[in-house]
Amino acid sequence: MLNNSTENKEKKSLKERFFLVIGMVFFLAYLAMGLTIIFWKNFPYDMKPGYRIAFGVVLIIYSFFRFYRIINDNKD
């Protein structure tokens, strides 16, 4: 498994590696935004707590969806 991962890394072009890094950055950004929106008590926008939590959960789910797509694209 480790050998396969090393070979896969060596086959990636610079462009593909760049997109992998950008994808991971956006995964972390959406995850952080979702957690921030859920746990920030004095959220700057006037939203009901239920809507704020729902919006945060949607962002977290979307971040994991992006992560899943990054992992599947990285297997090629």
PDB file of N, CA and C in Angstrom:
ATOM      1  N   MET A   1       0.819  -1.191   0.000  1.00  0.00           N
ATOM      2  CA  MET A   1       0.000   0.000   0.000  1.00  0.00           C
ATOM      3  C   MET A   1       0.861   1.251   0.000  1.00  0.00           C
ATOM      4  N   LEU A   2       1.886   1.270   0.849  1.00  0.00           N
ATOM      5  CA  LEU A   2       2.771   2.418   0.901  1.00  0.00           C
ATOM      6  C   LEU A   2       3.542   2.559  -0.405  1.00  0.00           C
ATOM      7  N   ASN A   3       3.940   1.444  -0.990  1.00  0.00           N
ATOM      8  CA  ASN A   3       4.651   1.466  -2.257  1.00  0.00           C
ATOM      9  C   ASN A   3       3.763   2.024  -3.359  1.00  0.00           C
ATOM     10  N   ASN A   4       2.483   1.628  -3.372  1.00  0.00           N
ATOM     11  CA  ASN A   4       1.528   2.121  -4.354  1.00  0.00           C
ATOM     12  C   ASN A   4       1.333   3.625  -4.206  1.00  0.00           C
ATOM     13  N   SER A   5       1.283   4.110  -2.975  1.00  0.00           N
ATOM     14  CA  SER A   5       1.118   5.537  -2.719  1.00  0.00           C
ATOM     15  C   SER A   5       2.334   6.315  -3.204  1.00  0.00           C
ATOM     16  N   THR A   6       3.512   5.760  -3.002  1.00  0.00           N
ATOM     17  CA  THR A   6       4.736   6.416  -3.442  1.00  0.00           C
ATOM     18  C   THR A   6       4.789   6.484  -4.962  1.00  0.00           C
ATOM     19  N   GLU A   7       4.426   5.408  -5.635  1.00  0.00           N
ATOM     20  CA  GLU A   7       4.406   5.403  -7.095  1.00  0.00           C
ATOM     21  C   GLU A   7       3.379   6.389  -7.626  1.00  0.00           C
ATOM     22  N   ASN A   8       2.224   6.465  -6.976  1.00  0.00           N
ATOM     23  CA  ASN A   8       1.172   7.377  -7.385  1.00  0.00           C
ATOM     24  C   ASN A   8       1.640   8.827  -7.236  1.00  0.00           C
ATOM     25  N   LYS A   9       2.377   9.117  -6.168  1.00  0.00           N
ATOM     26  CA  LYS A   9       2.880  10.464  -5.934  1.00  0.00           C
ATOM     27  C   LYS A   9       3.895  10.852  -7.004  1.00  0.00           C
ATOM     28  N   GLU A  10       4.711   9.898  -7.421  1.00  0.00           N
ATOM     29  CA  GLU A  10       5.727  10.184  -8.424  1.00  0.00           C
ATOM     30  C   GLU A  10       5.113  10.400  -9.801  1.00  0.00           C
ATOM     31  N   LYS A  11       3.932   9.813 -10.073  1.00  0.00           N
ATOM     32  CA  LYS A  11       3.287   9.965 -11.372  1.00  0.00           C
ATOM     33  C   LYS A  11       2.575  11.309 -11.513  1.00  0.00           C
ATOM     34  N   LYS A  12       2.278  11.973 -10.403  1.00  0.00           N
ATOM     35  CA  LYS A  12       1.514  13.213 -10.452  1.00  0.00           C
ATOM     36  C   LYS A  12       2.349  14.337 -11.053  1.00  0.00           C
ATOM     37  N   SER A  13       1.712  15.118 -11.908  1.00  0.00           N
ATOM     38  CA  SER A  13       2.391  16.283 -12.457  1.00  0.00           C
ATOM     39  C   SER A  13       2.333  17.416 -11.444  1.00  0.00           C
ATOM     40  N   LEU A  14       3.042  18.466 -11.713  1.00  0.00           N
ATOM     41  CA  LEU A  14       3.048  19.620 -10.817  1.00  0.00           C
ATOM     42  C   LEU A  14       1.654  20.237 -10.714  1.00  0.00           C
ATOM     43  N   LYS A  15       0.942  20.267 -11.826  1.00  0.00           N
ATOM     44  CA  LYS A  15      -0.419  20.806 -11.842  1.00  0.00           C
ATOM     45  C   LYS A  15      -1.351  19.968 -10.959  1.00  0.00           C
ATOM     46  N   GLU A  16      -1.254  18.656 -11.051  1.00  0.00           N
ATOM     47  CA  GLU A  16      -2.102  17.780 -10.239  1.00  0.00           C
ATOM     48  C   GLU A  16      -1.773  17.910  -8.758  1.00  0.00           C
ATOM     49  N   ARG A  17      -0.505  18.049  -8.423  1.00  0.00           N
ATOM     50  CA  ARG A  17      -0.120  18.242  -7.026  1.00  0.00           C
ATOM     51  C   ARG A  17      -0.642  19.571  -6.501  1.00  0.00           C
ATOM     52  N   PHE A  18      -0.582  20.608  -7.336  1.00  0.00           N
ATOM     53  CA  PHE A  18      -1.093  21.919  -6.948  1.00  0.00           C
ATOM     54  C   PHE A  18      -2.585  21.849  -6.653  1.00  0.00           C
ATOM     55  N   PHE A  19      -3.343  21.178  -7.529  1.00  0.00           N
ATOM     56  CA  PHE A  19      -4.777  21.041  -7.305  1.00  0.00           C
ATOM     57  C   PHE A  19      -5.080  20.214  -6.063  1.00  0.00           C
ATOM     58  N   LEU A  20      -4.250  19.241  -5.760  1.00  0.00           N
ATOM     59  CA  LEU A  20      -4.420  18.454  -4.545  1.00  0.00           C
ATOM     60  C   LEU A  20      -4.242  19.337  -3.310  1.00  0.00           C
ATOM     61  N   VAL A  21      -3.219  20.168  -3.324  1.00  0.00           N
ATOM     62  CA  VAL A  21      -2.971  21.062  -2.188  1.00  0.00           C
ATOM     63  C   VAL A  21      -4.098  22.076  -2.049  1.00  0.00           C
ATOM     64  N   ILE A  22      -4.539  22.667  -3.164  1.00  0.00           N
ATOM     65  CA  ILE A  22      -5.638  23.638  -3.127  1.00  0.00           C
ATOM     66  C   ILE A  22      -6.914  22.959  -2.631  1.00  0.00           C
ATOM     67  N   GLY A  23      -7.167  21.735  -3.069  1.00  0.00           N
ATOM     68  CA  GLY A  23      -8.338  20.995  -2.615  1.00  0.00           C
ATOM     69  C   GLY A  23      -8.307  20.750  -1.118  1.00  0.00           C
ATOM     70  N   MET A  24      -7.143  20.402  -0.587  1.00  0.00           N
ATOM     71  CA  MET A  24      -7.028  20.182   0.853  1.00  0.00           C
ATOM     72  C   MET A  24      -7.211  21.487   1.626  1.00  0.00           C
ATOM     73  N   VAL A  25      -6.698  22.589   1.083  1.00  0.00           N
ATOM     74  CA  VAL A  25      -6.870  23.894   1.742  1.00  0.00           C
ATOM     75  C   VAL A  25      -8.350  24.253   1.820  1.00  0.00           C
ATOM     76  N   PHE A  26      -9.083  24.048   0.719  1.00  0.00           N
ATOM     77  CA  PHE A  26     -10.505  24.374   0.728  1.00  0.00           C
ATOM     78  C   PHE A  26     -11.299  23.413   1.608  1.00  0.00           C
ATOM     79  N   PHE A  27     -10.889  22.162   1.681  1.00  0.00           N
ATOM     80  CA  PHE A  27     -11.523  21.232   2.609  1.00  0.00           C
ATOM     81  C   PHE A  27     -11.400  21.760   4.036  1.00  0.00           C
ATOM     82  N   LEU A  28     -10.196  22.154   4.414  1.00  0.00           N
ATOM     83  CA  LEU A  28      -9.979  22.673   5.761  1.00  0.00           C
ATOM     84  C   LEU A  28     -10.710  23.990   5.982  1.00  0.00           C
ATOM     85  N   ALA A  29     -10.788  24.825   4.935  1.00  0.00           N
ATOM     86  CA  ALA A  29     -11.485  26.109   5.067  1.00  0.00           C
ATOM     87  C   ALA A  29     -12.976  25.900   5.301  1.00  0.00           C
ATOM     88  N   TYR A  30     -13.613  25.025   4.527  1.00  0.00           N
ATOM     89  CA  TYR A  30     -15.049  24.765   4.719  1.00  0.00           C
ATOM     90  C   TYR A  30     -15.318  24.110   6.071  1.00  0.00           C
ATOM     91  N   LEU A  31     -14.442  23.221   6.491  1.00  0.00           N
ATOM     92  CA  LEU A  31     -14.601  22.584   7.794  1.00  0.00           C
ATOM     93  C   LEU A  31     -14.490  23.622   8.912  1.00  0.00           C
ATOM     94  N   ALA A  32     -13.497  24.492   8.813  1.00  0.00           N
ATOM     95  CA  ALA A  32     -13.316  25.532   9.831  1.00  0.00           C
ATOM     96  C   ALA A  32     -14.487  26.514   9.834  1.00  0.00           C
ATOM     97  N   MET A  33     -14.979  26.881   8.651  1.00  0.00           N
ATOM     98  CA  MET A  33     -16.129  27.796   8.589  1.00  0.00           C
ATOM     99  C   MET A  33     -17.355  27.171   9.236  1.00  0.00           C
ATOM    100  N   GLY A  34     -17.603  25.901   8.944  1.00  0.00           N
ATOM    101  CA  GLY A  34     -18.751  25.225   9.530  1.00  0.00           C
ATOM    102  C   GLY A  34     -18.670  25.165  11.042  1.00  0.00           C
ATOM    103  N   LEU A  35     -17.503  24.802  11.553  1.00  0.00           N
ATOM    104  CA  LEU A  35     -17.332  24.738  13.007  1.00  0.00           C
ATOM    105  C   LEU A  35     -17.419  26.121  13.649  1.00  0.00           C
ATOM    106  N   THR A  36     -16.878  27.112  12.968  1.00  0.00           N
ATOM    107  CA  THR A  36     -16.940  28.473  13.492  1.00  0.00           C
ATOM    108  C   THR A  36     -18.372  28.971  13.561  1.00  0.00           C
ATOM    109  N   ILE A  37     -19.127  28.738  12.518  1.00  0.00           N
ATOM    110  CA  ILE A  37     -20.518  29.188  12.505  1.00  0.00           C
ATOM    111  C   ILE A  37     -21.327  28.493  13.589  1.00  0.00           C
ATOM    112  N   ILE A  38     -21.072  27.230  13.827  1.00  0.00           N
ATOM    113  CA  ILE A  38     -21.823  26.498  14.853  1.00  0.00           C
ATOM    114  C   ILE A  38     -21.485  27.001  16.257  1.00  0.00           C
ATOM    115  N   PHE A  39     -20.208  27.190  16.550  1.00  0.00           N
ATOM    116  CA  PHE A  39     -19.795  27.464  17.925  1.00  0.00           C
ATOM    117  C   PHE A  39     -19.593  28.937  18.251  1.00  0.00           C
ATOM    118  N   TRP A  40     -19.717  29.838  17.295  1.00  0.00           N
ATOM    119  CA  TRP A  40     -19.538  31.267  17.543  1.00  0.00           C
ATOM    120  C   TRP A  40     -20.822  31.819  18.149  1.00  0.00           C
ATOM    121  N   LYS A  41     -20.747  32.233  19.396  1.00  0.00           N
ATOM    122  CA  LYS A  41     -21.940  32.699  20.112  1.00  0.00           C
ATOM    123  C   LYS A  41     -22.455  34.033  19.565  1.00  0.00           C
ATOM    124  N   ASN A  42     -21.583  34.980  19.306  1.00  0.00           N
ATOM    125  CA  ASN A  42     -21.979  36.305  18.820  1.00  0.00           C
ATOM    126  C   ASN A  42     -21.773  36.389  17.310  1.00  0.00           C
ATOM    127  N   PHE A  43     -22.466  35.540  16.584  1.00  0.00           N
ATOM    128  CA  PHE A  43     -22.347  35.510  15.129  1.00  0.00           C
ATOM    129  C   PHE A  43     -22.803  36.854  14.559  1.00  0.00           C
ATOM    130  N   PRO A  44     -22.032  37.465  13.642  1.00  0.00           N
ATOM    131  CA  PRO A  44     -22.341  38.823  13.185  1.00  0.00           C
ATOM    132  C   PRO A  44     -23.680  38.960  12.451  1.00  0.00           C
ATOM    133  N   TYR A  45     -24.180  37.905  11.852  1.00  0.00           N
ATOM    134  CA  TYR A  45     -25.460  37.977  11.152  1.00  0.00           C
ATOM    135  C   TYR A  45     -26.578  37.526  12.086  1.00  0.00           C
ATOM    136  N   ASP A  46     -27.710  38.159  11.937  1.00  0.00           N
ATOM    137  CA  ASP A  46     -28.850  37.841  12.790  1.00  0.00           C
ATOM    138  C   ASP A  46     -29.540  36.586  12.264  1.00  0.00           C
ATOM    139  N   MET A  47     -29.143  35.433  12.801  1.00  0.00           N
ATOM    140  CA  MET A  47     -29.723  34.149  12.413  1.00  0.00           C
ATOM    141  C   MET A  47     -30.221  33.442  13.668  1.00  0.00           C
ATOM    142  N   LYS A  48     -31.299  32.723  13.536  1.00  0.00           N
ATOM    143  CA  LYS A  48     -31.768  31.904  14.643  1.00  0.00           C
ATOM    144  C   LYS A  48     -30.749  30.788  14.875  1.00  0.00           C
ATOM    145  N   PRO A  49     -30.592  30.352  16.110  1.00  0.00           N
ATOM    146  CA  PRO A  49     -29.591  29.303  16.399  1.00  0.00           C
ATOM    147  C   PRO A  49     -29.802  28.015  15.595  1.00  0.00           C
ATOM    148  N   GLY A  50     -31.042  27.643  15.344  1.00  0.00           N
ATOM    149  CA  GLY A  50     -31.292  26.430  14.558  1.00  0.00           C
ATOM    150  C   GLY A  50     -30.797  26.558  13.129  1.00  0.00           C
ATOM    151  N   TYR A  51     -31.028  27.730  12.519  1.00  0.00           N
ATOM    152  CA  TYR A  51     -30.550  27.956  11.153  1.00  0.00           C
ATOM    153  C   TYR A  51     -29.026  28.043  11.107  1.00  0.00           C
ATOM    154  N   ARG A  52     -28.447  28.662  12.135  1.00  0.00           N
ATOM    155  CA  ARG A  52     -26.993  28.776  12.186  1.00  0.00           C
ATOM    156  C   ARG A  52     -26.351  27.395  12.285  1.00  0.00           C
ATOM    157  N   ILE A  53     -26.898  26.534  13.128  1.00  0.00           N
ATOM    158  CA  ILE A  53     -26.359  25.176  13.275  1.00  0.00           C
ATOM    159  C   ILE A  53     -26.565  24.381  11.988  1.00  0.00           C
ATOM    160  N   ALA A  54     -27.732  24.525  11.370  1.00  0.00           N
ATOM    161  CA  ALA A  54     -27.999  23.810  10.117  1.00  0.00           C
ATOM    162  C   ALA A  54     -27.026  24.254   9.023  1.00  0.00           C
ATOM    163  N   PHE A  55     -26.771  25.561   8.930  1.00  0.00           N
ATOM    164  CA  PHE A  55     -25.833  26.070   7.926  1.00  0.00           C
ATOM    165  C   PHE A  55     -24.421  25.548   8.190  1.00  0.00           C
ATOM    166  N   GLY A  56     -24.020  25.505   9.458  1.00  0.00           N
ATOM    167  CA  GLY A  56     -22.708  24.969   9.809  1.00  0.00           C
ATOM    168  C   GLY A  56     -22.589  23.494   9.467  1.00  0.00           C
ATOM    169  N   VAL A  57     -23.643  22.731   9.721  1.00  0.00           N
ATOM    170  CA  VAL A  57     -23.639  21.294   9.400  1.00  0.00           C
ATOM    171  C   VAL A  57     -23.561  21.082   7.888  1.00  0.00           C
ATOM    172  N   VAL A  58     -24.275  21.902   7.131  1.00  0.00           N
ATOM    173  CA  VAL A  58     -24.208  21.799   5.667  1.00  0.00           C
ATOM    174  C   VAL A  58     -22.790  22.073   5.180  1.00  0.00           C
ATOM    175  N   LEU A  59     -22.134  23.072   5.738  1.00  0.00           N
ATOM    176  CA  LEU A  59     -20.748  23.356   5.339  1.00  0.00           C
ATOM    177  C   LEU A  59     -19.811  22.209   5.703  1.00  0.00           C
ATOM    178  N   ILE A  60     -20.008  21.600   6.851  1.00  0.00           N
ATOM    179  CA  ILE A  60     -19.159  20.475   7.259  1.00  0.00           C
ATOM    180  C   ILE A  60     -19.395  19.269   6.350  1.00  0.00           C
ATOM    181  N   ILE A  61     -20.643  18.990   6.023  1.00  0.00           N
ATOM    182  CA  ILE A  61     -20.941  17.881   5.109  1.00  0.00           C
ATOM    183  C   ILE A  61     -20.322  18.142   3.741  1.00  0.00           C
ATOM    184  N   TYR A  62     -20.424  19.395   3.264  1.00  0.00           N
ATOM    185  CA  TYR A  62     -19.834  19.741   1.976  1.00  0.00           C
ATOM    186  C   TYR A  62     -18.314  19.595   2.006  1.00  0.00           C
ATOM    187  N   SER A  63     -17.687  19.937   3.126  1.00  0.00           N
ATOM    188  CA  SER A  63     -16.233  19.792   3.214  1.00  0.00           C
ATOM    189  C   SER A  63     -15.827  18.321   3.131  1.00  0.00           C
ATOM    190  N   PHE A  64     -16.589  17.436   3.777  1.00  0.00           N
ATOM    191  CA  PHE A  64     -16.265  16.011   3.692  1.00  0.00           C
ATOM    192  C   PHE A  64     -16.560  15.444   2.301  1.00  0.00           C
ATOM    193  N   PHE A  65     -17.563  15.993   1.625  1.00  0.00           N
ATOM    194  CA  PHE A  65     -17.814  15.603   0.240  1.00  0.00           C
ATOM    195  C   PHE A  65     -16.635  15.982  -0.642  1.00  0.00           C
ATOM    196  N   ARG A  66     -16.096  17.174  -0.445  1.00  0.00           N
ATOM    197  CA  ARG A  66     -14.903  17.596  -1.199  1.00  0.00           C
ATOM    198  C   ARG A  66     -13.714  16.694  -0.874  1.00  0.00           C
ATOM    199  N   PHE A  67     -13.552  16.345   0.403  1.00  0.00           N
ATOM    200  CA  PHE A  67     -12.457  15.474   0.802  1.00  0.00           C
ATOM    201  C   PHE A  67     -12.577  14.106   0.140  1.00  0.00           C
ATOM    202  N   TYR A  68     -13.802  13.576   0.094  1.00  0.00           N
ATOM    203  CA  TYR A  68     -14.045  12.291  -0.568  1.00  0.00           C
ATOM    204  C   TYR A  68     -13.663  12.362  -2.047  1.00  0.00           C
ATOM    205  N   ARG A  69     -14.015  13.452  -2.707  1.00  0.00           N
ATOM    206  CA  ARG A  69     -13.676  13.594  -4.121  1.00  0.00           C
ATOM    207  C   ARG A  69     -12.172  13.722  -4.315  1.00  0.00           C
ATOM    208  N   ILE A  70     -11.477  14.410  -3.399  1.00  0.00           N
ATOM    209  CA  ILE A  70     -10.030  14.532  -3.498  1.00  0.00           C
ATOM    210  C   ILE A  70      -9.372  13.168  -3.364  1.00  0.00           C
ATOM    211  N   ILE A  71      -9.830  12.375  -2.418  1.00  0.00           N
ATOM    212  CA  ILE A  71      -9.261  11.047  -2.207  1.00  0.00           C
ATOM    213  C   ILE A  71      -9.500  10.163  -3.430  1.00  0.00           C
ATOM    214  N   ASN A  72     -10.691  10.210  -4.004  1.00  0.00           N
ATOM    215  CA  ASN A  72     -10.974   9.386  -5.182  1.00  0.00           C
ATOM    216  C   ASN A  72     -10.186   9.852  -6.393  1.00  0.00           C
ATOM    217  N   ASP A  73      -9.998  11.141  -6.567  1.00  0.00           N
ATOM    218  CA  ASP A  73      -9.196  11.645  -7.684  1.00  0.00           C
ATOM    219  C   ASP A  73      -7.726  11.308  -7.511  1.00  0.00           C
ATOM    220  N   ASN A  74      -7.290  11.204  -6.275  1.00  0.00           N
ATOM    221  CA  ASN A  74      -5.876  10.926  -5.987  1.00  0.00           C
ATOM    222  C   ASN A  74      -5.522   9.464  -6.261  1.00  0.00           C
ATOM    223  N   LYS A  75      -6.516   8.572  -6.321  1.00  0.00           N
ATOM    224  CA  LYS A  75      -6.246   7.155  -6.558  1.00  0.00           C
ATOM    225  C   LYS A  75      -5.852   6.863  -7.993  1.00  0.00           C
ATOM    226  N   ASP A  76      -6.183   7.739  -8.914  1.00  0.00           N
ATOM    227  CA  ASP A  76      -5.871   7.502 -10.339  1.00  0.00           C
ATOM    228  C   ASP A  76      -4.399   7.537 -10.612  1.00  0.00           C
TER     229      ASP A  76
END
